[in-house]
Structures are given as structure tokens and as C-alpha cells.
Amino acid sequence: MDITTDFLEEFKQRMHITHNEDSNLKQFLSFSITKIKSSCGEFDIYGEKDIDLMGKELVFERTRYAYNDALEYFDDNFLSQITSLGLSIALKEGDPDAAV
């Protein structure tokens, strides 16, 4: 997954990261996108729909956990949000006209 500069900068601002470790952060973000999509289904990481924003939020949170070397706690702490996103994506796939 190609991480845009804007996406990376948004994550760095959120995390208050001012030093340059962009390649490391891009790798964490890419891994997180792959993992969340694998667990929940497809969404557009750069999209503006509710599902896309929920997916982006989970990607940022998982990346935060990875960055802080606490990834083993992510699934338990975000189980509700992971399940909610997965269900929203499944319902959307069942109804292409759904406004989710």
C-alpha cells in the first residue's frame, strides 16, 4: 500500500511526532491498513464515507499501538470498533445502495 505524504503527515500530527522516521511510520501504516482490511473488509483509506473514516481511525490506532510497541493489546482494546466496522462493511456489501 502506497502511503501518501498527506496521510503520513496527518498521522504524525495526531501523534505529535516532529522528528523524521517516515519510512518506519509508512511501514507501520501500511501493515495496519493490510491488517484492518483483512479483519474487517475493504474500505477506502482516503475516502470520506463513514466506513472509510472508521477504517482510517482503526488504522491510526493500530499504528499508534505498533509505534509504542504495544500491538498485543490492540485487538482486545478495539474489539468493539473492529466488529462494528466489519459488520458495517458486510451490510454495505449486501446492499450497494446503503448510505453507510
N, C-alpha and C. Protein backbone atom coordinates (compact mmCIF):
# COMPACT_ATOMS: atom_id res chain seq x y z
N MET A 1 0.85 -1.18 0.00
CA MET A 1 0.00 0.00 0.00
C MET A 1 0.89 1.23 0.00
N ASP A 2 0.64 2.11 -0.95
CA ASP A 2 1.42 3.34 -1.04
C ASP A 2 0.82 4.40 -0.12
N ILE A 3 1.58 4.84 0.84
CA ILE A 3 1.13 5.83 1.82
C ILE A 3 1.47 7.22 1.30
N THR A 4 0.46 8.08 1.17
CA THR A 4 0.71 9.44 0.69
C THR A 4 1.38 10.28 1.78
N THR A 5 2.03 11.33 1.35
CA THR A 5 2.68 12.25 2.28
C THR A 5 1.65 12.90 3.19
N ASP A 6 0.49 13.27 2.65
CA ASP A 6 -0.57 13.90 3.46
C ASP A 6 -1.06 12.96 4.54
N PHE A 7 -1.24 11.68 4.18
CA PHE A 7 -1.70 10.68 5.15
C PHE A 7 -0.67 10.51 6.26
N LEU A 8 0.58 10.40 5.88
CA LEU A 8 1.67 10.28 6.85
C LEU A 8 1.71 11.49 7.76
N GLU A 9 1.61 12.68 7.19
CA GLU A 9 1.66 13.92 7.99
C GLU A 9 0.47 14.01 8.95
N GLU A 10 -0.69 13.56 8.51
CA GLU A 10 -1.86 13.56 9.40
C GLU A 10 -1.61 12.66 10.61
N PHE A 11 -1.03 11.49 10.36
CA PHE A 11 -0.71 10.59 11.47
C PHE A 11 0.35 11.20 12.39
N LYS A 12 1.38 11.80 11.81
CA LYS A 12 2.44 12.41 12.62
C LYS A 12 1.91 13.55 13.48
N GLN A 13 1.00 14.36 12.92
CA GLN A 13 0.40 15.44 13.71
C GLN A 13 -0.41 14.87 14.86
N ARG A 14 -1.18 13.86 14.57
CA ARG A 14 -2.01 13.23 15.61
C ARG A 14 -1.15 12.68 16.75
N MET A 15 0.00 12.12 16.38
CA MET A 15 0.89 11.51 17.37
C MET A 15 1.91 12.51 17.94
N HIS A 16 1.89 13.74 17.44
CA HIS A 16 2.85 14.76 17.87
C HIS A 16 4.28 14.31 17.62
N ILE A 17 4.50 13.70 16.45
CA ILE A 17 5.83 13.26 16.03
C ILE A 17 6.43 14.36 15.16
N THR A 18 7.52 14.93 15.61
CA THR A 18 8.14 16.02 14.86
C THR A 18 9.45 15.61 14.19
N HIS A 19 10.04 14.52 14.64
CA HIS A 19 11.29 14.06 14.04
C HIS A 19 10.98 13.19 12.82
N ASN A 20 11.99 12.95 12.02
CA ASN A 20 11.81 12.21 10.77
C ASN A 20 12.13 10.73 10.97
N GLU A 21 11.11 9.92 10.93
CA GLU A 21 11.26 8.47 10.84
C GLU A 21 10.18 7.96 9.89
N ASP A 22 10.04 8.69 8.79
CA ASP A 22 8.95 8.47 7.85
C ASP A 22 8.90 7.06 7.29
N SER A 23 10.02 6.47 6.93
CA SER A 23 9.98 5.13 6.35
C SER A 23 9.45 4.11 7.34
N ASN A 24 9.83 4.25 8.60
CA ASN A 24 9.33 3.37 9.65
C ASN A 24 7.82 3.55 9.85
N LEU A 25 7.38 4.79 9.89
CA LEU A 25 5.95 5.07 10.08
C LEU A 25 5.14 4.61 8.87
N LYS A 26 5.66 4.80 7.67
CA LYS A 26 4.95 4.33 6.47
C LYS A 26 4.78 2.81 6.51
N GLN A 27 5.79 2.12 6.97
CA GLN A 27 5.70 0.67 7.08
C GLN A 27 4.64 0.27 8.11
N PHE A 28 4.64 0.91 9.28
CA PHE A 28 3.62 0.64 10.29
C PHE A 28 2.22 0.91 9.74
N LEU A 29 2.05 2.04 9.05
CA LEU A 29 0.74 2.39 8.48
C LEU A 29 0.31 1.37 7.43
N SER A 30 1.22 0.98 6.57
CA SER A 30 0.91 0.00 5.53
C SER A 30 0.50 -1.34 6.13
N PHE A 31 1.23 -1.80 7.13
CA PHE A 31 0.89 -3.05 7.80
C PHE A 31 -0.47 -2.95 8.47
N SER A 32 -0.76 -1.80 9.07
CA SER A 32 -2.03 -1.61 9.76
C SER A 32 -3.20 -1.60 8.78
N ILE A 33 -3.02 -0.97 7.64
CA ILE A 33 -4.07 -0.96 6.62
C ILE A 33 -4.37 -2.40 6.18
N THR A 34 -3.32 -3.15 5.90
CA THR A 34 -3.48 -4.54 5.48
C THR A 34 -4.20 -5.36 6.55
N LYS A 35 -3.82 -5.20 7.79
CA LYS A 35 -4.42 -5.97 8.88
C LYS A 35 -5.88 -5.61 9.10
N ILE A 36 -6.21 -4.33 9.12
CA ILE A 36 -7.59 -3.91 9.34
C ILE A 36 -8.47 -4.37 8.18
N LYS A 37 -7.99 -4.23 6.95
CA LYS A 37 -8.77 -4.70 5.80
C LYS A 37 -8.95 -6.21 5.85
N SER A 38 -7.93 -6.92 6.28
CA SER A 38 -8.00 -8.37 6.40
C SER A 38 -9.04 -8.78 7.45
N SER A 39 -9.12 -8.04 8.52
CA SER A 39 -10.05 -8.36 9.61
C SER A 39 -11.48 -7.91 9.33
N CYS A 40 -11.63 -6.77 8.64
CA CYS A 40 -12.94 -6.13 8.54
C CYS A 40 -13.53 -6.12 7.13
N GLY A 41 -12.70 -6.11 6.12
CA GLY A 41 -13.17 -5.98 4.75
C GLY A 41 -12.61 -4.73 4.11
N GLU A 42 -12.98 -4.51 2.87
CA GLU A 42 -12.43 -3.40 2.09
C GLU A 42 -13.07 -2.06 2.43
N PHE A 43 -12.24 -1.04 2.50
CA PHE A 43 -12.67 0.35 2.64
C PHE A 43 -11.60 1.20 1.97
N ASP A 44 -11.96 2.46 1.70
CA ASP A 44 -11.02 3.37 1.04
C ASP A 44 -10.34 4.22 2.11
N ILE A 45 -9.07 3.97 2.32
CA ILE A 45 -8.32 4.65 3.37
C ILE A 45 -8.29 6.17 3.16
N TYR A 46 -8.50 6.61 1.93
CA TYR A 46 -8.51 8.04 1.62
C TYR A 46 -9.93 8.56 1.40
N GLY A 47 -10.93 7.71 1.62
CA GLY A 47 -12.32 8.10 1.39
C GLY A 47 -12.90 8.94 2.51
N GLU A 48 -14.11 9.43 2.28
CA GLU A 48 -14.78 10.31 3.24
C GLU A 48 -16.09 9.73 3.78
N LYS A 49 -16.47 8.53 3.34
CA LYS A 49 -17.69 7.90 3.86
C LYS A 49 -17.44 7.43 5.29
N ASP A 50 -18.53 7.21 6.01
CA ASP A 50 -18.41 6.78 7.41
C ASP A 50 -17.53 5.53 7.55
N ILE A 51 -17.74 4.55 6.69
CA ILE A 51 -16.95 3.31 6.76
C ILE A 51 -15.47 3.62 6.55
N ASP A 52 -15.18 4.48 5.60
CA ASP A 52 -13.78 4.83 5.32
C ASP A 52 -13.14 5.53 6.52
N LEU A 53 -13.88 6.42 7.13
CA LEU A 53 -13.36 7.14 8.31
C LEU A 53 -13.18 6.21 9.50
N MET A 54 -14.11 5.26 9.68
CA MET A 54 -13.96 4.26 10.74
C MET A 54 -12.71 3.42 10.50
N GLY A 55 -12.49 3.03 9.26
CA GLY A 55 -11.31 2.25 8.91
C GLY A 55 -10.03 3.03 9.15
N LYS A 56 -10.04 4.28 8.74
CA LYS A 56 -8.86 5.14 8.94
C LYS A 56 -8.55 5.30 10.43
N GLU A 57 -9.59 5.49 11.23
CA GLU A 57 -9.40 5.62 12.68
C GLU A 57 -8.74 4.37 13.26
N LEU A 58 -9.22 3.20 12.85
CA LEU A 58 -8.62 1.95 13.33
C LEU A 58 -7.19 1.79 12.85
N VAL A 59 -6.92 2.19 11.63
CA VAL A 59 -5.54 2.13 11.11
C VAL A 59 -4.63 3.02 11.95
N PHE A 60 -5.07 4.24 12.24
CA PHE A 60 -4.26 5.13 13.06
C PHE A 60 -4.04 4.56 14.46
N GLU A 61 -5.10 4.01 15.05
CA GLU A 61 -4.96 3.46 16.40
C GLU A 61 -4.04 2.24 16.43
N ARG A 62 -4.19 1.35 15.43
CA ARG A 62 -3.32 0.18 15.39
C ARG A 62 -1.86 0.61 15.17
N THR A 63 -1.66 1.61 14.34
CA THR A 63 -0.30 2.11 14.10
C THR A 63 0.27 2.74 15.36
N ARG A 64 -0.56 3.42 16.11
CA ARG A 64 -0.12 4.01 17.39
C ARG A 64 0.35 2.89 18.33
N TYR A 65 -0.41 1.82 18.40
CA TYR A 65 -0.02 0.69 19.26
C TYR A 65 1.28 0.07 18.76
N ALA A 66 1.42 -0.10 17.45
CA ALA A 66 2.65 -0.67 16.89
C ALA A 66 3.84 0.23 17.18
N TYR A 67 3.65 1.53 17.00
CA TYR A 67 4.71 2.51 17.24
C TYR A 67 5.18 2.47 18.70
N ASN A 68 4.24 2.25 19.60
CA ASN A 68 4.56 2.22 21.03
C ASN A 68 4.86 0.81 21.54
N ASP A 69 5.09 -0.12 20.62
CA ASP A 69 5.46 -1.50 20.96
C ASP A 69 4.45 -2.14 21.91
N ALA A 70 3.17 -1.93 21.62
CA ALA A 70 2.09 -2.49 22.46
C ALA A 70 1.02 -3.17 21.60
N LEU A 71 1.41 -3.65 20.45
CA LEU A 71 0.46 -4.19 19.49
C LEU A 71 -0.37 -5.35 20.04
N GLU A 72 0.19 -6.08 20.98
CA GLU A 72 -0.54 -7.23 21.54
C GLU A 72 -1.82 -6.82 22.27
N TYR A 73 -1.98 -5.55 22.60
CA TYR A 73 -3.17 -5.07 23.29
C TYR A 73 -4.24 -4.49 22.36
N PHE A 74 -3.88 -4.28 21.10
CA PHE A 74 -4.79 -3.58 20.18
C PHE A 74 -6.10 -4.33 19.98
N ASP A 75 -6.03 -5.61 19.61
CA ASP A 75 -7.27 -6.34 19.30
C ASP A 75 -8.25 -6.36 20.46
N ASP A 76 -7.76 -6.60 21.65
CA ASP A 76 -8.66 -6.62 22.82
C ASP A 76 -9.24 -5.23 23.10
N ASN A 77 -8.43 -4.21 23.01
CA ASN A 77 -8.88 -2.86 23.33
C ASN A 77 -9.82 -2.26 22.27
N PHE A 78 -9.75 -2.75 21.04
CA PHE A 78 -10.56 -2.19 19.96
C PHE A 78 -11.51 -3.22 19.35
N LEU A 79 -11.79 -4.30 20.07
CA LEU A 79 -12.65 -5.35 19.56
C LEU A 79 -14.02 -4.82 19.12
N SER A 80 -14.60 -3.95 19.90
CA SER A 80 -15.90 -3.39 19.57
C SER A 80 -15.87 -2.61 18.27
N GLN A 81 -14.86 -1.77 18.07
CA GLN A 81 -14.74 -0.98 16.86
C GLN A 81 -14.42 -1.85 15.64
N ILE A 82 -13.60 -2.88 15.84
CA ILE A 82 -13.26 -3.80 14.75
C ILE A 82 -14.51 -4.54 14.30
N THR A 83 -15.28 -5.03 15.26
CA THR A 83 -16.52 -5.73 14.96
C THR A 83 -17.52 -4.81 14.27
N SER A 84 -17.64 -3.60 14.76
CA SER A 84 -18.57 -2.63 14.18
C SER A 84 -18.21 -2.32 12.73
N LEU A 85 -16.94 -2.10 12.45
CA LEU A 85 -16.52 -1.83 11.08
C LEU A 85 -16.77 -3.04 10.20
N GLY A 86 -16.44 -4.21 10.67
CA GLY A 86 -16.66 -5.43 9.89
C GLY A 86 -18.13 -5.62 9.54
N LEU A 87 -19.00 -5.39 10.52
CA LEU A 87 -20.44 -5.51 10.28
C LEU A 87 -20.93 -4.44 9.31
N SER A 88 -20.45 -3.23 9.46
CA SER A 88 -20.85 -2.15 8.56
C SER A 88 -20.45 -2.45 7.13
N ILE A 89 -19.25 -2.97 6.95
CA ILE A 89 -18.79 -3.32 5.60
C ILE A 89 -19.61 -4.47 5.04
N ALA A 90 -19.89 -5.48 5.86
CA ALA A 90 -20.69 -6.63 5.41
C ALA A 90 -22.09 -6.20 5.02
N LEU A 91 -22.70 -5.31 5.80
CA LEU A 91 -24.04 -4.83 5.47
C LEU A 91 -24.03 -4.00 4.20
N LYS A 92 -23.01 -3.20 4.02
CA LYS A 92 -22.88 -2.38 2.81
C LYS A 92 -22.73 -3.26 1.58
N GLU A 93 -21.94 -4.33 1.70
CA GLU A 93 -21.75 -5.24 0.58
C GLU A 93 -23.05 -5.96 0.22
N GLY A 94 -23.90 -6.19 1.22
CA GLY A 94 -25.18 -6.82 0.97
C GLY A 94 -26.18 -5.87 0.34
N ASP A 95 -26.00 -4.57 0.53
CA ASP A 95 -26.90 -3.57 -0.01
C ASP A 95 -26.07 -2.44 -0.63
N PRO A 96 -25.80 -2.50 -1.93
CA PRO A 96 -24.93 -1.49 -2.55
C PRO A 96 -25.48 -0.07 -2.48
N ASP A 97 -26.77 0.09 -2.21
CA ASP A 97 -27.36 1.43 -2.11
C ASP A 97 -27.34 1.96 -0.68
N ALA A 98 -26.79 1.18 0.25
CA ALA A 98 -26.76 1.60 1.65
C ALA A 98 -25.91 2.85 1.80
N ALA A 99 -26.37 3.79 2.61
CA ALA A 99 -25.67 5.06 2.82
C ALA A 99 -24.85 5.00 4.09
N VAL A 100 -23.94 4.05 4.16
CA VAL A 100 -23.09 3.92 5.34
C VAL A 100 -21.76 4.51 5.06
